Amino acid sequence: MSTAKMILKLSEASGISGMETGAVEAAKNMLAGLGECSVTALGSLLCKVKSASPDKPHIMLTAHIDEIGLIVTYIDDDGFLRVGNCGGIDRSMLLAAQVIVHTADGTLSGVVCTIPPHLNPDDTKVPKVEDIYIDVGMDAAAAREKIALGDRVSFVSEAQEMLGGKVCAKSIDDRGGCVSVILAAKQLAQAKLDCSVTVALTSMEEVGGQGAKTAAYQLMPAHAIAVDVSYGHTPDAARHKCGVVGEGPMLGISPILDNGMFAQMKASAKRHEIPYQLEVMGGNTGTDADEIATTGAGVRCALLSIPLRYMHTPIEIVAVSDVEAVANLIAAYVTDEFGGER
């Protein structure tokens, strides 16, 4: 399967925070043959790729597998759904959006209600998530029979390959990162390493990072390489706050990240001629690296981010080459630092 198809297949899977089962199953199929897989109590997927003696370093390769979405909070007497957000929703894209309600018995189609412009006294205001309604085409009795409070709601998006080596889909944040980790694991599975390597595709990053915290506690690695997405430049975004899509992974610099791993990873990128960009953060990173670094007695962490356009919308875009470059840099760093042969 090509990298582009891996990204699109994994992005199409359902996996809203706290209910990541569909995405976990899709990822488990992609990890088949690489090692023993298991699922933690909080729903993160683990795969043991390399096992060394306990006195050797243990490397955790991680990306989060959950996606943003909505959660049903109320069904009114006309059958319309009220919802809350699971993760940071871009409210500007909500109105008139097509959605899917994930129920115990399957999925139902719906739309986010919108006032016709002829009847809207003020079209400058963007409603809060708790103020919108979802129309599922049913009356109250039918809706309450088929839909339970707590059911998740995802956004409809047609995953597609684009010109210029790019792909567009929902939840590439962070399924693109998951693909990078899986591709790196495939490379490392064939290398001679003097360390253990475990893949952790973590749950609930969008609502607080609990999946990464508990997965790291279970594994207790010496080092972790976290992969996420960051802002890809567009004409309406500040250039100094963004990376450039197609110019390689964004290598993180932050007080929470390990300076030695950063320097070693940069050296590996130069040695193997892998393109990269720098991303400087003055505090926490806003990724799972923050939770992993402070697990137990502490974990040395590095962060690689994939430049992504239109974050937290159903039309996220990345360059396939960036996803592959992240995988190549992970594999290069681990083999350079832990005695492997590529």
Protein backbone atom coordinates (compact mmCIF):
# COMPACT_ATOMS: atom_id res chain seq x y z
CA MET A 1 0.00 0.00 0.00
CA SER A 2 1.37 3.43 -0.93
CA THR A 3 1.99 6.03 1.76
CA ALA A 4 -0.79 8.21 0.33
CA LYS A 5 -3.29 5.36 0.54
CA MET A 6 -2.16 4.54 4.09
CA ILE A 7 -2.81 8.13 5.18
CA LEU A 8 -6.24 8.24 3.54
CA LYS A 9 -7.31 4.80 4.80
CA LEU A 10 -6.34 5.58 8.38
CA SER A 11 -7.88 9.07 8.20
CA GLU A 12 -11.21 7.66 7.03
CA ALA A 13 -11.47 5.39 10.08
CA SER A 14 -13.61 6.55 12.99
CA GLY A 15 -11.76 7.42 16.18
CA ILE A 16 -13.09 10.42 18.11
CA SER A 17 -11.41 10.95 21.47
CA GLY A 18 -12.41 8.25 23.94
CA MET A 19 -13.87 6.01 21.20
CA GLU A 20 -10.85 5.27 19.02
CA THR A 21 -11.68 1.60 18.32
CA GLY A 22 -12.22 1.93 14.56
CA ALA A 23 -8.94 3.75 14.00
CA VAL A 24 -7.09 1.36 16.32
CA GLU A 25 -8.30 -1.64 14.30
CA ALA A 26 -7.21 -0.01 11.03
CA ALA A 27 -3.77 0.78 12.47
CA LYS A 28 -3.41 -2.71 13.92
CA ASN A 29 -3.85 -4.14 10.41
CA MET A 30 -1.07 -1.86 9.15
CA LEU A 31 1.22 -3.04 11.97
CA ALA A 32 0.55 -6.71 11.24
CA GLY A 33 3.74 -8.77 11.29
CA LEU A 34 5.84 -6.13 13.05
CA GLY A 35 5.34 -7.43 16.58
CA GLU A 36 2.90 -8.25 19.34
CA CYS A 37 0.08 -5.72 19.60
CA SER A 38 -2.01 -4.85 22.64
CA VAL A 39 -4.44 -2.15 23.70
CA THR A 40 -4.04 -0.29 27.00
CA ALA A 41 -6.82 0.30 29.51
CA LEU A 42 -7.36 3.78 28.03
CA GLY A 43 -7.43 2.57 24.43
CA SER A 44 -3.92 3.26 23.12
CA LEU A 45 -2.45 0.74 20.67
CA LEU A 46 1.00 -0.68 21.51
CA CYS A 47 3.21 -2.77 19.23
CA LYS A 48 6.52 -4.30 20.38
CA VAL A 49 8.80 -3.99 17.35
CA LYS A 50 12.17 -4.79 18.98
CA SER A 51 12.93 -6.38 22.34
CA ALA A 52 16.36 -6.07 23.94
CA SER A 53 17.58 -6.96 27.42
CA PRO A 54 16.21 -4.80 30.29
CA ASP A 55 19.53 -2.98 30.70
CA LYS A 56 19.33 -1.62 27.14
CA PRO A 57 17.52 1.61 26.17
CA HIS A 58 13.83 1.43 25.32
CA ILE A 59 12.61 3.78 22.58
CA MET A 60 8.94 4.77 22.35
CA LEU A 61 7.71 5.92 18.92
CA THR A 62 4.39 7.66 19.34
CA ALA A 63 1.63 9.59 17.60
CA HIS A 64 -1.95 10.11 18.69
CA ILE A 65 -4.70 8.20 16.93
CA ASP A 66 -7.76 10.08 18.16
CA GLU A 67 -9.53 12.82 16.21
CA ILE A 68 -11.65 15.82 17.11
CA GLY A 69 -15.42 15.56 16.97
CA LEU A 70 -18.64 16.21 18.85
CA ILE A 71 -20.59 14.39 21.57
CA VAL A 72 -24.38 14.24 21.90
CA THR A 73 -25.51 15.96 25.08
CA TYR A 74 -29.29 16.30 24.60
CA ILE A 75 -32.16 15.38 22.25
CA ASP A 76 -34.91 18.01 22.26
CA ASP A 77 -38.66 17.47 21.83
CA ASP A 78 -38.43 18.07 18.08
CA GLY A 79 -35.71 15.46 17.55
CA PHE A 80 -32.81 17.88 17.13
CA LEU A 81 -29.49 17.04 18.83
CA ARG A 82 -27.50 19.33 21.08
CA VAL A 83 -23.77 18.60 21.26
CA GLY A 84 -20.54 19.45 23.01
CA ASN A 85 -17.04 19.35 21.57
CA CYS A 86 -14.43 16.60 21.88
CA GLY A 87 -11.24 18.52 21.25
CA GLY A 88 -10.67 21.92 19.70
CA ILE A 89 -13.35 22.47 17.06
CA ASP A 90 -13.00 25.25 14.49
CA ARG A 91 -16.44 26.79 14.97
CA SER A 92 -16.22 28.67 11.69
CA MET A 93 -16.70 25.45 9.72
CA LEU A 94 -19.64 24.07 11.71
CA LEU A 95 -22.71 25.64 10.14
CA ALA A 96 -24.31 23.55 7.36
CA ALA A 97 -21.67 20.83 7.83
CA GLN A 98 -22.60 17.24 7.06
CA VAL A 99 -21.99 14.90 9.99
CA ILE A 100 -22.18 11.25 10.98
CA VAL A 101 -23.64 10.15 14.32
CA HIS A 102 -21.96 6.98 15.58
CA THR A 103 -24.49 4.90 17.52
CA ALA A 104 -24.36 1.47 19.13
CA ASP A 105 -26.19 0.03 16.10
CA GLY A 106 -24.32 1.83 13.32
CA THR A 107 -24.13 5.29 11.84
CA LEU A 108 -26.73 7.93 11.02
CA SER A 109 -26.41 10.91 8.70
CA GLY A 110 -27.10 14.42 9.89
CA VAL A 111 -26.45 18.08 9.19
CA VAL A 112 -25.64 21.03 11.40
CA CYS A 113 -28.56 23.42 11.32
CA THR A 114 -28.10 26.88 9.81
CA ILE A 115 -30.45 29.87 9.59
CA PRO A 116 -31.26 30.95 6.02
CA PRO A 117 -29.46 34.23 5.31
CA HIS A 118 -32.83 35.89 4.60
CA LEU A 119 -33.89 35.30 8.24
CA ASN A 120 -30.56 35.91 9.97
CA PRO A 121 -30.47 39.32 11.67
CA ASP A 122 -26.68 39.11 12.27
CA ASP A 123 -24.53 36.93 10.04
CA THR A 124 -21.28 38.14 11.63
CA LYS A 125 -21.54 35.94 14.73
CA VAL A 126 -20.21 32.38 14.83
CA PRO A 127 -22.25 30.34 17.34
CA LYS A 128 -20.62 28.37 20.13
CA VAL A 129 -20.66 24.59 19.83
CA GLU A 130 -23.25 24.29 22.62
CA ASP A 131 -25.58 26.63 20.72
CA ILE A 132 -25.83 24.61 17.51
CA TYR A 133 -28.31 21.89 16.63
CA ILE A 134 -27.93 18.77 14.50
CA ASP A 135 -30.82 17.65 12.29
CA VAL A 136 -30.95 13.86 11.81
CA GLY A 137 -34.33 13.92 10.03
CA MET A 138 -36.24 12.19 12.82
CA ASP A 139 -38.80 13.17 15.41
CA ALA A 140 -37.96 13.02 19.10
CA ALA A 141 -39.25 9.49 19.70
CA ALA A 142 -37.28 8.01 16.80
CA ALA A 143 -34.14 9.99 17.63
CA ARG A 144 -34.22 8.95 21.28
CA GLU A 145 -34.69 5.31 20.30
CA LYS A 146 -31.71 5.25 17.95
CA ILE A 147 -29.32 7.77 19.52
CA ALA A 148 -27.90 7.75 23.05
CA LEU A 149 -26.46 10.64 24.99
CA GLY A 150 -22.70 10.34 24.69
CA ASP A 151 -22.74 9.08 21.10
CA ARG A 152 -19.95 10.69 19.10
CA VAL A 153 -20.38 12.78 15.97
CA SER A 154 -17.79 13.08 13.20
CA PHE A 155 -17.58 15.26 10.12
CA VAL A 156 -18.16 14.07 6.58
CA SER A 157 -15.09 14.42 4.39
CA GLU A 158 -14.10 12.88 1.08
CA ALA A 159 -10.52 11.71 1.46
CA GLN A 160 -8.60 12.28 -1.74
CA GLU A 161 -5.19 12.48 -3.35
CA MET A 162 -4.34 15.89 -4.76
CA LEU A 163 -1.90 17.22 -7.30
CA GLY A 164 1.60 18.08 -6.12
CA GLY A 165 2.00 14.95 -4.01
CA LYS A 166 -0.51 16.03 -1.36
CA VAL A 167 -3.49 14.37 0.29
CA CYS A 168 -6.63 15.86 1.83
CA ALA A 169 -8.87 14.30 4.48
CA LYS A 170 -10.25 14.70 7.97
CA SER A 171 -8.16 13.62 10.97
CA ILE A 172 -4.77 13.71 9.24
CA ASP A 173 -4.08 15.27 12.64
CA ASP A 174 -2.70 12.90 13.68
CA ARG A 175 -3.27 9.87 11.47
CA GLY A 176 -0.53 11.24 9.22
CA GLY A 177 1.77 11.04 12.25
CA CYS A 178 0.61 7.48 12.91
CA VAL A 179 1.57 6.53 9.35
CA SER A 180 5.03 8.08 9.86
CA VAL A 181 5.51 6.00 13.00
CA ILE A 182 4.31 2.81 11.27
CA LEU A 183 6.65 3.41 8.32
CA ALA A 184 9.57 4.05 10.69
CA ALA A 185 8.74 0.85 12.59
CA LYS A 186 8.81 -1.12 9.34
CA GLN A 187 12.32 0.17 8.67
CA LEU A 188 13.53 -0.47 12.21
CA ALA A 189 12.10 -3.98 12.28
CA GLN A 190 14.73 -4.89 9.66
CA ALA A 191 17.63 -3.14 11.43
CA LYS A 192 20.13 -4.53 13.93
CA LEU A 193 19.48 -2.50 17.05
CA ASP A 194 20.90 -2.53 20.56
CA CYS A 195 17.65 -1.27 22.07
CA SER A 196 13.96 -2.05 22.44
CA VAL A 197 11.46 -0.23 20.21
CA THR A 198 7.73 0.07 20.90
CA VAL A 199 5.11 1.86 18.84
CA ALA A 200 2.41 3.67 20.84
CA LEU A 201 -0.55 5.12 18.92
CA THR A 202 -2.23 6.95 21.72
CA SER A 203 -5.79 7.83 22.67
CA MET A 204 -7.31 11.08 23.93
CA GLU A 205 -4.59 13.54 22.94
CA GLU A 206 -7.21 16.03 21.77
CA VAL A 207 -8.81 16.09 25.23
CA GLY A 208 -5.71 16.14 27.44
CA GLY A 209 -3.11 13.50 26.54
CA GLN A 210 -4.26 10.85 29.01
CA GLY A 211 -3.57 8.01 26.58
CA ALA A 212 0.06 9.01 26.11
CA LYS A 213 0.62 9.53 29.84
CA THR A 214 -0.64 6.07 30.75
CA ALA A 215 1.03 4.33 27.78
CA ALA A 216 4.37 5.87 28.75
CA TYR A 217 3.84 4.81 32.36
CA GLN A 218 3.21 1.24 31.20
CA LEU A 219 6.27 1.17 28.91
CA MET A 220 8.63 3.36 30.98
CA PRO A 221 10.91 4.14 28.01
CA ALA A 222 14.27 5.85 28.26
CA HIS A 223 13.55 7.93 25.16
CA ALA A 224 10.44 8.89 23.21
CA ILE A 225 10.00 10.37 19.74
CA ALA A 226 6.59 11.99 19.41
CA VAL A 227 5.11 12.77 16.01
CA ASP A 228 2.29 15.27 15.56
CA VAL A 229 1.28 17.98 13.11
CA SER A 230 1.96 21.69 13.16
CA TYR A 231 0.88 24.71 11.16
CA GLY A 232 1.56 24.57 7.44
CA HIS A 233 1.84 28.00 5.86
CA THR A 234 -1.03 29.44 3.81
CA PRO A 235 -1.36 33.01 2.48
CA ASP A 236 -3.62 34.02 5.37
CA ALA A 237 -1.29 32.73 8.12
CA ALA A 238 1.75 34.38 9.69
CA ARG A 239 4.84 32.92 8.02
CA HIS A 240 7.01 33.06 11.14
CA LYS A 241 4.51 30.85 13.00
CA CYS A 242 4.34 28.17 10.30
CA GLY A 243 6.36 25.52 8.54
CA VAL A 244 6.22 24.97 4.80
CA VAL A 245 4.32 21.99 3.43
CA GLY A 246 6.65 19.82 1.38
CA GLU A 247 9.91 21.00 2.94
CA GLY A 248 10.32 18.24 5.49
CA PRO A 249 9.52 17.59 9.15
CA MET A 250 9.55 20.35 11.74
CA LEU A 251 12.11 19.43 14.41
CA GLY A 252 10.98 20.79 17.76
CA ILE A 253 12.93 22.97 20.18
CA SER A 254 11.30 23.51 23.57
CA PRO A 255 12.21 23.53 27.27
CA ILE A 256 10.23 20.28 27.71
CA LEU A 257 12.16 18.54 24.91
CA ASP A 258 15.59 16.97 25.30
CA ASN A 259 18.41 19.13 23.92
CA GLY A 260 20.68 16.15 23.29
CA MET A 261 18.07 14.27 21.26
CA PHE A 262 17.40 17.43 19.24
CA ALA A 263 21.09 17.82 18.40
CA GLN A 264 21.49 14.13 17.53
CA MET A 265 18.38 14.12 15.37
CA LYS A 266 19.53 17.23 13.51
CA ALA A 267 22.90 15.59 12.92
CA SER A 268 21.19 12.46 11.56
CA ALA A 269 19.08 14.59 9.22
CA LYS A 270 22.19 16.23 7.82
CA ARG A 271 24.13 12.98 7.61
CA HIS A 272 21.37 11.22 5.67
CA GLU A 273 20.35 14.30 3.67
CA ILE A 274 16.82 14.33 5.03
CA PRO A 275 15.16 17.76 4.73
CA TYR A 276 13.95 19.37 7.96
CA GLN A 277 12.69 22.64 9.40
CA LEU A 278 12.97 24.02 12.92
CA GLU A 279 10.02 24.77 15.19
CA VAL A 280 10.76 26.79 18.31
CA MET A 281 8.36 26.77 21.29
CA GLY A 282 8.97 28.75 24.46
CA GLY A 283 7.09 26.44 26.83
CA ASN A 284 5.11 23.26 26.42
CA THR A 285 4.59 21.88 22.93
CA GLY A 286 0.84 21.26 23.03
CA THR A 287 1.48 17.63 22.06
CA ASP A 288 1.77 14.25 23.78
CA ALA A 289 5.46 14.98 24.34
CA ASP A 290 4.46 17.18 27.28
CA GLU A 291 2.72 14.30 29.05
CA ILE A 292 5.33 11.68 28.19
CA ALA A 293 8.30 13.80 29.30
CA THR A 294 6.91 14.10 32.83
CA THR A 295 5.94 10.43 33.26
CA GLY A 296 7.57 8.56 36.14
CA ALA A 297 11.05 9.90 36.78
CA GLY A 298 11.00 11.61 33.36
CA VAL A 299 11.47 10.57 29.74
CA ARG A 300 13.85 12.19 27.26
CA CYS A 301 11.67 13.37 24.39
CA ALA A 302 12.06 14.64 20.85
CA LEU A 303 9.25 16.01 18.70
CA LEU A 304 8.80 15.85 14.94
CA SER A 305 5.83 17.66 13.42
CA ILE A 306 4.33 17.34 9.95
CA PRO A 307 3.37 20.70 8.39
CA LEU A 308 -0.40 20.60 7.89
CA ARG A 309 -2.83 23.06 6.33
CA TYR A 310 -6.32 23.76 7.73
CA MET A 311 -5.82 22.10 11.12
CA HIS A 312 -8.92 20.80 12.94
CA THR A 313 -11.14 20.93 9.87
CA PRO A 314 -12.42 18.14 7.55
CA ILE A 315 -10.04 19.33 4.78
CA GLU A 316 -6.60 18.92 6.35
CA ILE A 317 -3.77 18.73 3.80
CA VAL A 318 -0.22 17.35 4.06
CA ALA A 319 2.52 16.46 1.61
CA VAL A 320 3.14 12.72 1.39
CA SER A 321 6.87 13.45 1.17
CA ASP A 322 6.80 15.07 4.63
CA VAL A 323 5.12 12.01 6.17
CA GLU A 324 7.80 9.81 4.62
CA ALA A 325 10.63 12.17 5.63
CA VAL A 326 9.49 11.97 9.28
CA ALA A 327 9.65 8.17 9.09
CA ASN A 328 13.08 8.28 7.48
CA LEU A 329 14.44 10.66 10.10
CA ILE A 330 13.14 8.53 12.97
CA ALA A 331 14.73 5.42 11.48
CA ALA A 332 17.99 7.25 10.76
CA TYR A 333 18.24 8.67 14.29
CA VAL A 334 17.50 5.38 16.04
CA THR A 335 19.94 3.41 13.94
CA ASP A 336 22.64 6.08 14.24
CA GLU A 337 22.36 6.34 18.02
CA PHE A 338 21.56 2.76 19.01
CA GLY A 339 23.91 0.64 16.97
CA GLY A 340 21.74 -0.30 14.05
CA GLU A 341 22.44 -0.91 10.42
CA ARG A 342 19.95 0.44 7.89
